[in-house]
Amino acid sequence: METQKKIEFAGLPLAVYREIAAHLRQIEGVQVGLIPQSSSEFDYKQSQIAGLEISMTSHLASESQQRLEEILAYYRNRYDI
């Protein structure tokens, strides 16, 4: 069984979303997809990505889950989101 989680960081650039996804994919049992922006209007200040979709196996080790939360916390603190 898999657990899915959606994460959104308003205004975060595409490159940073890709960096976060790359870090999260290093955790065994975690898969990450980028959710495209749904707005039809282009806004330079708006990210090209709406968020991340994270899929985790239900048997994800507590150490792996802790690592996932640490990575997300790092980016929240780094980009003040």
C-alpha atoms as a PDB file:
ATOM      1  CA  MET A   1       0.000   0.000   0.000  1.00  0.00           C
ATOM      2  CA  GLU A   2       1.231   3.490  -0.805  1.00  0.00           C
ATOM      3  CA  THR A   3       0.693   6.782   0.945  1.00  0.00           C
ATOM      4  CA  GLN A   4       0.490   9.933  -1.142  1.00  0.00           C
ATOM      5  CA  LYS A   5       1.246  13.430   0.012  1.00  0.00           C
ATOM      6  CA  LYS A   6       1.078  16.745  -1.852  1.00  0.00           C
ATOM      7  CA  ILE A   7       3.486  19.512  -0.932  1.00  0.00           C
ATOM      8  CA  GLU A   8       3.161  23.089  -2.192  1.00  0.00           C
ATOM      9  CA  PHE A   9       5.675  25.889  -1.721  1.00  0.00           C
ATOM     10  CA  ALA A  10       4.193  29.093  -3.158  1.00  0.00           C
ATOM     11  CA  GLY A  11       6.512  30.972  -5.504  1.00  0.00           C
ATOM     12  CA  LEU A  12       9.354  28.448  -5.406  1.00  0.00           C
ATOM     13  CA  PRO A  13      11.253  28.277  -8.731  1.00  0.00           C
ATOM     14  CA  LEU A  14      11.187  25.173 -10.927  1.00  0.00           C
ATOM     15  CA  ALA A  15      14.899  24.510 -10.328  1.00  0.00           C
ATOM     16  CA  VAL A  16      14.389  24.351  -6.556  1.00  0.00           C
ATOM     17  CA  TYR A  17      11.402  22.006  -6.930  1.00  0.00           C
ATOM     18  CA  ARG A  18      13.619  19.748  -9.047  1.00  0.00           C
ATOM     19  CA  GLU A  19      16.374  19.912  -6.427  1.00  0.00           C
ATOM     20  CA  ILE A  20      13.945  18.921  -3.662  1.00  0.00           C
ATOM     21  CA  ALA A  21      12.600  16.073  -5.814  1.00  0.00           C
ATOM     22  CA  ALA A  22      16.140  14.817  -6.488  1.00  0.00           C
ATOM     23  CA  HIS A  23      16.922  14.771  -2.763  1.00  0.00           C
ATOM     24  CA  LEU A  24      13.684  12.998  -1.869  1.00  0.00           C
ATOM     25  CA  ARG A  25      14.196  10.352  -4.584  1.00  0.00           C
ATOM     26  CA  GLN A  26      17.373   9.275  -2.805  1.00  0.00           C
ATOM     27  CA  ILE A  27      15.249   7.890   0.019  1.00  0.00           C
ATOM     28  CA  GLU A  28      14.396   4.239  -0.545  1.00  0.00           C
ATOM     29  CA  GLY A  29      10.643   3.708  -0.975  1.00  0.00           C
ATOM     30  CA  VAL A  30       9.921   7.316  -1.985  1.00  0.00           C
ATOM     31  CA  GLN A  31       8.788   8.424  -5.435  1.00  0.00           C
ATOM     32  CA  VAL A  32       8.318  12.074  -6.349  1.00  0.00           C
ATOM     33  CA  GLY A  33       6.459  13.752  -9.203  1.00  0.00           C
ATOM     34  CA  LEU A  34       6.168  17.404 -10.155  1.00  0.00           C
ATOM     35  CA  ILE A  35       2.630  18.809 -10.365  1.00  0.00           C
ATOM     36  CA  PRO A  36       2.388  21.303 -13.250  1.00  0.00           C
ATOM     37  CA  GLN A  37       0.938  24.748 -12.673  1.00  0.00           C
ATOM     38  CA  SER A  38      -2.763  24.821 -13.575  1.00  0.00           C
ATOM     39  CA  SER A  39      -3.065  28.561 -14.159  1.00  0.00           C
ATOM     40  CA  SER A  40      -3.604  29.549 -17.769  1.00  0.00           C
ATOM     41  CA  GLU A  41      -2.227  33.043 -17.120  1.00  0.00           C
ATOM     42  CA  PHE A  42       1.535  33.508 -17.108  1.00  0.00           C
ATOM     43  CA  ASP A  43       2.843  35.320 -14.062  1.00  0.00           C
ATOM     44  CA  TYR A  44       6.595  35.806 -13.821  1.00  0.00           C
ATOM     45  CA  LYS A  45       6.425  35.709 -10.013  1.00  0.00           C
ATOM     46  CA  GLN A  46       4.499  32.438  -9.995  1.00  0.00           C
ATOM     47  CA  SER A  47       6.307  29.104 -10.140  1.00  0.00           C
ATOM     48  CA  GLN A  48       5.968  26.876 -13.189  1.00  0.00           C
ATOM     49  CA  ILE A  49       5.245  24.054 -10.758  1.00  0.00           C
ATOM     50  CA  ALA A  50       2.218  23.863  -8.450  1.00  0.00           C
ATOM     51  CA  GLY A  51       3.843  21.408  -6.063  1.00  0.00           C
ATOM     52  CA  LEU A  52       5.284  17.958  -5.448  1.00  0.00           C
ATOM     53  CA  GLU A  53       3.408  14.698  -5.282  1.00  0.00           C
ATOM     54  CA  ILE A  54       5.197  12.285  -2.967  1.00  0.00           C
ATOM     55  CA  SER A  55       4.364   8.570  -2.927  1.00  0.00           C
ATOM     56  CA  MET A  56       5.731   6.431  -0.109  1.00  0.00           C
ATOM     57  CA  THR A  57       5.423   2.750   0.568  1.00  0.00           C
ATOM     58  CA  SER A  58       3.473   2.116   3.739  1.00  0.00           C
ATOM     59  CA  HIS A  59       6.419   0.134   5.094  1.00  0.00           C
ATOM     60  CA  LEU A  60       8.770   3.107   4.917  1.00  0.00           C
ATOM     61  CA  ALA A  61      11.198   2.861   7.808  1.00  0.00           C
ATOM     62  CA  SER A  62      10.880   5.475  10.518  1.00  0.00           C
ATOM     63  CA  GLU A  63      14.462   6.537   9.742  1.00  0.00           C
ATOM     64  CA  SER A  64      13.499   7.149   6.095  1.00  0.00           C
ATOM     65  CA  GLN A  65      10.384   9.074   7.101  1.00  0.00           C
ATOM     66  CA  GLN A  66      12.446  11.189   9.454  1.00  0.00           C
ATOM     67  CA  ARG A  67      14.929  11.893   6.631  1.00  0.00           C
ATOM     68  CA  LEU A  68      12.056  12.965   4.350  1.00  0.00           C
ATOM     69  CA  GLU A  69      10.791  15.415   6.973  1.00  0.00           C
ATOM     70  CA  GLU A  70      14.326  16.747   7.556  1.00  0.00           C
ATOM     71  CA  ILE A  71      14.772  17.469   3.842  1.00  0.00           C
ATOM     72  CA  LEU A  72      11.427  19.271   3.627  1.00  0.00           C
ATOM     73  CA  ALA A  73      12.204  21.247   6.800  1.00  0.00           C
ATOM     74  CA  TYR A  74      15.566  22.290   5.361  1.00  0.00           C
ATOM     75  CA  TYR A  75      13.921  23.782   2.262  1.00  0.00           C
ATOM     76  CA  ARG A  76      11.165  25.423   4.325  1.00  0.00           C
ATOM     77  CA  ASN A  77      13.821  27.141   6.436  1.00  0.00           C
ATOM     78  CA  ARG A  78      16.143  27.941   3.526  1.00  0.00           C
ATOM     79  CA  TYR A  79      13.451  29.612   1.424  1.00  0.00           C
ATOM     80  CA  ASP A  80      11.402  30.914   4.359  1.00  0.00           C
ATOM     81  CA  ILE A  81       8.206  29.138   3.354  1.00  0.00           C
END
